[in-house]
Amino acid sequence: RISAMLRRPRVASGGAGEAAAPAADPGAGGSSGPGGPRRSTVLQHNGLALDTETRTVALRGTPLGLTRSEFDLLHELLRGTGAVRTRADLVRVVRGEYYREDTYISEADERAVEVHIGNLRRKLREDPQDPRWLVTVRGVGYRLAPKRAE
């Protein structure tokens, strides 16, 4: 337990402004002010819809119950629109502000991301032979599968 705690460094002065900054993603949408036009907060890909504002995910209209980590991983991959994300990058997504760019990431942390991805694939009923959403890039990480005609 002590080793696990030491792998997860704490932020000494975690101000509220620092934690709120990543949520203001220009690609995620939001409103342009009171009464102004509202941009969509929904990311869609191959029948999957992820709403960043309500933190809900639906697969062809059917809601999915995802954990916080699964939602964050899926959101990161959808935002990347096909770019490969390394396991270390995804560990930082799951761990949040505790893991900066220079923080050591152990094999156990990377394995935890693999388990989250596996659970996410199970909930999405992903076909391993013909993936619609998550593609493994061997030895590197994961990326979003190419768009398909619906």
Protein backbone atom coordinates (compact mmCIF):
# COMPACT_ATOMS: atom_id res chain seq x y z
CA ARG A 1 0.00 0.00 0.00
CA ILE A 2 2.84 2.36 0.79
CA SER A 3 4.47 1.66 -2.57
CA ALA A 4 1.17 2.37 -4.32
CA MET A 5 0.80 5.68 -2.48
CA LEU A 6 4.36 6.68 -3.34
CA ARG A 7 3.68 6.04 -7.05
CA ARG A 8 0.85 8.59 -6.88
CA PRO A 9 2.44 11.90 -6.00
CA ARG A 10 0.14 14.55 -4.53
CA VAL A 11 -0.09 18.12 -5.76
CA ALA A 12 1.13 20.41 -2.98
CA SER A 13 -0.99 23.47 -3.79
CA GLY A 14 -3.95 22.22 -5.81
CA GLY A 15 -5.85 25.45 -6.37
CA ALA A 16 -9.37 25.33 -7.72
CA GLY A 17 -8.35 27.20 -10.86
CA GLU A 18 -5.84 24.53 -11.84
CA ALA A 19 -8.33 21.67 -11.59
CA ALA A 20 -11.02 23.51 -13.54
CA ALA A 21 -8.78 24.56 -16.44
CA PRO A 22 -8.74 21.24 -18.37
CA ALA A 23 -12.56 21.11 -18.37
CA ALA A 24 -12.68 24.24 -20.54
CA ASP A 25 -11.84 22.34 -23.70
CA PRO A 26 -12.39 24.46 -26.82
CA GLY A 27 -13.46 21.37 -28.77
CA ALA A 28 -15.92 20.24 -26.11
CA GLY A 29 -18.38 23.07 -26.63
CA GLY A 30 -20.23 25.21 -24.15
CA SER A 31 -22.09 28.45 -24.39
CA SER A 32 -20.84 31.75 -25.70
CA GLY A 33 -22.61 33.65 -22.93
CA PRO A 34 -26.09 34.18 -21.58
CA GLY A 35 -28.57 34.08 -24.41
CA GLY A 36 -25.85 33.30 -26.95
CA PRO A 37 -25.87 30.28 -29.26
CA ARG A 38 -24.96 27.02 -27.56
CA ARG A 39 -22.47 24.65 -29.16
CA SER A 40 -22.96 20.91 -28.93
CA THR A 41 -21.16 19.02 -26.18
CA VAL A 42 -21.81 15.64 -27.80
CA LEU A 43 -19.01 13.71 -29.51
CA GLN A 44 -20.23 11.04 -31.94
CA HIS A 45 -18.47 8.17 -33.64
CA ASN A 46 -19.89 5.05 -35.36
CA GLY A 47 -23.20 5.11 -33.47
CA LEU A 48 -21.63 6.06 -30.14
CA ALA A 49 -22.63 9.38 -28.55
CA LEU A 50 -20.69 10.85 -25.61
CA ASP A 51 -22.09 13.97 -23.92
CA THR A 52 -19.33 15.79 -22.06
CA GLU A 53 -21.69 18.09 -20.17
CA THR A 54 -23.89 15.38 -18.65
CA ARG A 55 -21.12 12.73 -18.68
CA THR A 56 -23.38 10.21 -20.38
CA VAL A 57 -22.67 7.71 -23.14
CA ALA A 58 -25.21 6.09 -25.43
CA LEU A 59 -24.69 3.35 -27.99
CA ARG A 60 -27.31 3.66 -30.75
CA GLY A 61 -29.61 5.40 -28.27
CA THR A 62 -29.10 2.88 -25.44
CA PRO A 63 -27.40 4.42 -22.38
CA LEU A 64 -24.22 2.77 -21.11
CA GLY A 65 -23.17 2.74 -17.48
CA LEU A 66 -19.50 3.67 -17.48
CA THR A 67 -17.18 4.33 -14.56
CA ARG A 68 -15.40 7.66 -14.29
CA SER A 69 -12.17 6.14 -15.61
CA GLU A 70 -13.89 4.44 -18.55
CA PHE A 71 -15.71 7.65 -19.45
CA ASP A 72 -12.49 9.71 -19.25
CA LEU A 73 -10.58 7.23 -21.44
CA LEU A 74 -13.35 7.12 -24.05
CA HIS A 75 -13.62 10.91 -24.02
CA GLU A 76 -9.87 11.29 -24.56
CA LEU A 77 -9.87 8.84 -27.49
CA LEU A 78 -12.91 10.50 -29.09
CA ARG A 79 -11.29 13.93 -28.73
CA GLY A 80 -8.14 12.63 -30.42
CA THR A 81 -10.13 11.71 -33.58
CA GLY A 82 -7.87 8.80 -34.49
CA ALA A 83 -4.53 9.96 -33.07
CA VAL A 84 -2.60 7.27 -31.20
CA ARG A 85 -2.54 7.82 -27.44
CA THR A 86 0.21 6.05 -25.50
CA ARG A 87 -0.58 4.09 -22.37
CA ALA A 88 1.37 6.68 -20.36
CA ASP A 89 -0.83 9.47 -21.79
CA LEU A 90 -3.93 7.52 -20.83
CA VAL A 91 -2.60 6.91 -17.30
CA ARG A 92 -2.36 10.69 -16.92
CA VAL A 93 -5.95 11.02 -18.15
CA VAL A 94 -7.19 8.50 -15.58
CA ARG A 95 -5.08 9.79 -12.68
CA GLY A 96 -5.78 13.45 -13.46
CA GLU A 97 -3.81 16.20 -11.78
CA TYR A 98 -1.71 13.80 -9.69
CA TYR A 99 0.39 12.77 -12.70
CA ARG A 100 2.35 15.48 -14.44
CA GLU A 101 4.48 15.01 -17.55
CA ASP A 102 7.63 14.18 -15.53
CA THR A 103 5.95 11.72 -13.12
CA TYR A 104 7.14 8.12 -13.19
CA ILE A 105 4.49 5.75 -14.59
CA SER A 106 4.86 2.13 -13.57
CA GLU A 107 3.84 -1.01 -15.43
CA ALA A 108 1.05 -1.44 -12.88
CA ASP A 109 -0.38 1.96 -13.89
CA GLU A 110 -0.26 1.00 -17.57
CA ARG A 111 -1.83 -2.37 -16.79
CA ALA A 112 -4.68 -0.59 -15.00
CA VAL A 113 -5.38 1.36 -18.21
CA GLU A 114 -5.41 -1.92 -20.16
CA VAL A 115 -7.99 -3.32 -17.72
CA HIS A 116 -10.15 -0.19 -18.06
CA ILE A 117 -9.97 -0.44 -21.86
CA GLY A 118 -10.93 -4.13 -21.66
CA ASN A 119 -13.94 -3.30 -19.48
CA LEU A 120 -14.90 -0.51 -21.86
CA ARG A 121 -14.71 -2.87 -24.84
CA ARG A 122 -16.89 -5.39 -22.99
CA LYS A 123 -19.53 -2.75 -22.26
CA LEU A 124 -19.44 -1.56 -25.88
CA ARG A 125 -19.70 -5.21 -27.05
CA GLU A 126 -16.69 -4.55 -29.27
CA ASP A 127 -15.87 -7.24 -31.84
CA PRO A 128 -12.14 -8.04 -31.47
CA GLN A 129 -11.86 -9.09 -35.12
CA ASP A 130 -13.58 -5.95 -36.47
CA PRO A 131 -13.39 -3.12 -33.89
CA ARG A 132 -15.79 -0.19 -34.36
CA TRP A 133 -14.40 2.11 -31.65
CA LEU A 134 -11.11 1.16 -29.97
CA VAL A 135 -8.06 -0.12 -31.82
CA THR A 136 -4.91 -1.37 -30.10
CA VAL A 137 -1.62 -0.13 -31.53
CA ARG A 138 0.74 -2.89 -30.41
CA GLY A 139 3.55 -1.75 -28.18
CA VAL A 140 2.30 1.85 -28.11
CA GLY A 141 -1.27 2.39 -26.96
CA TYR A 142 -4.73 2.92 -28.42
CA ARG A 143 -6.54 4.97 -31.02
CA LEU A 144 -10.05 5.47 -32.32
CA ALA A 145 -11.17 3.19 -35.16
CA PRO A 146 -11.87 4.87 -38.51
CA LYS A 147 -15.38 6.21 -39.17
CA ARG A 148 -17.79 3.86 -40.91
CA ALA A 149 -20.82 4.54 -43.06
CA GLU A 150 -23.87 3.95 -40.91
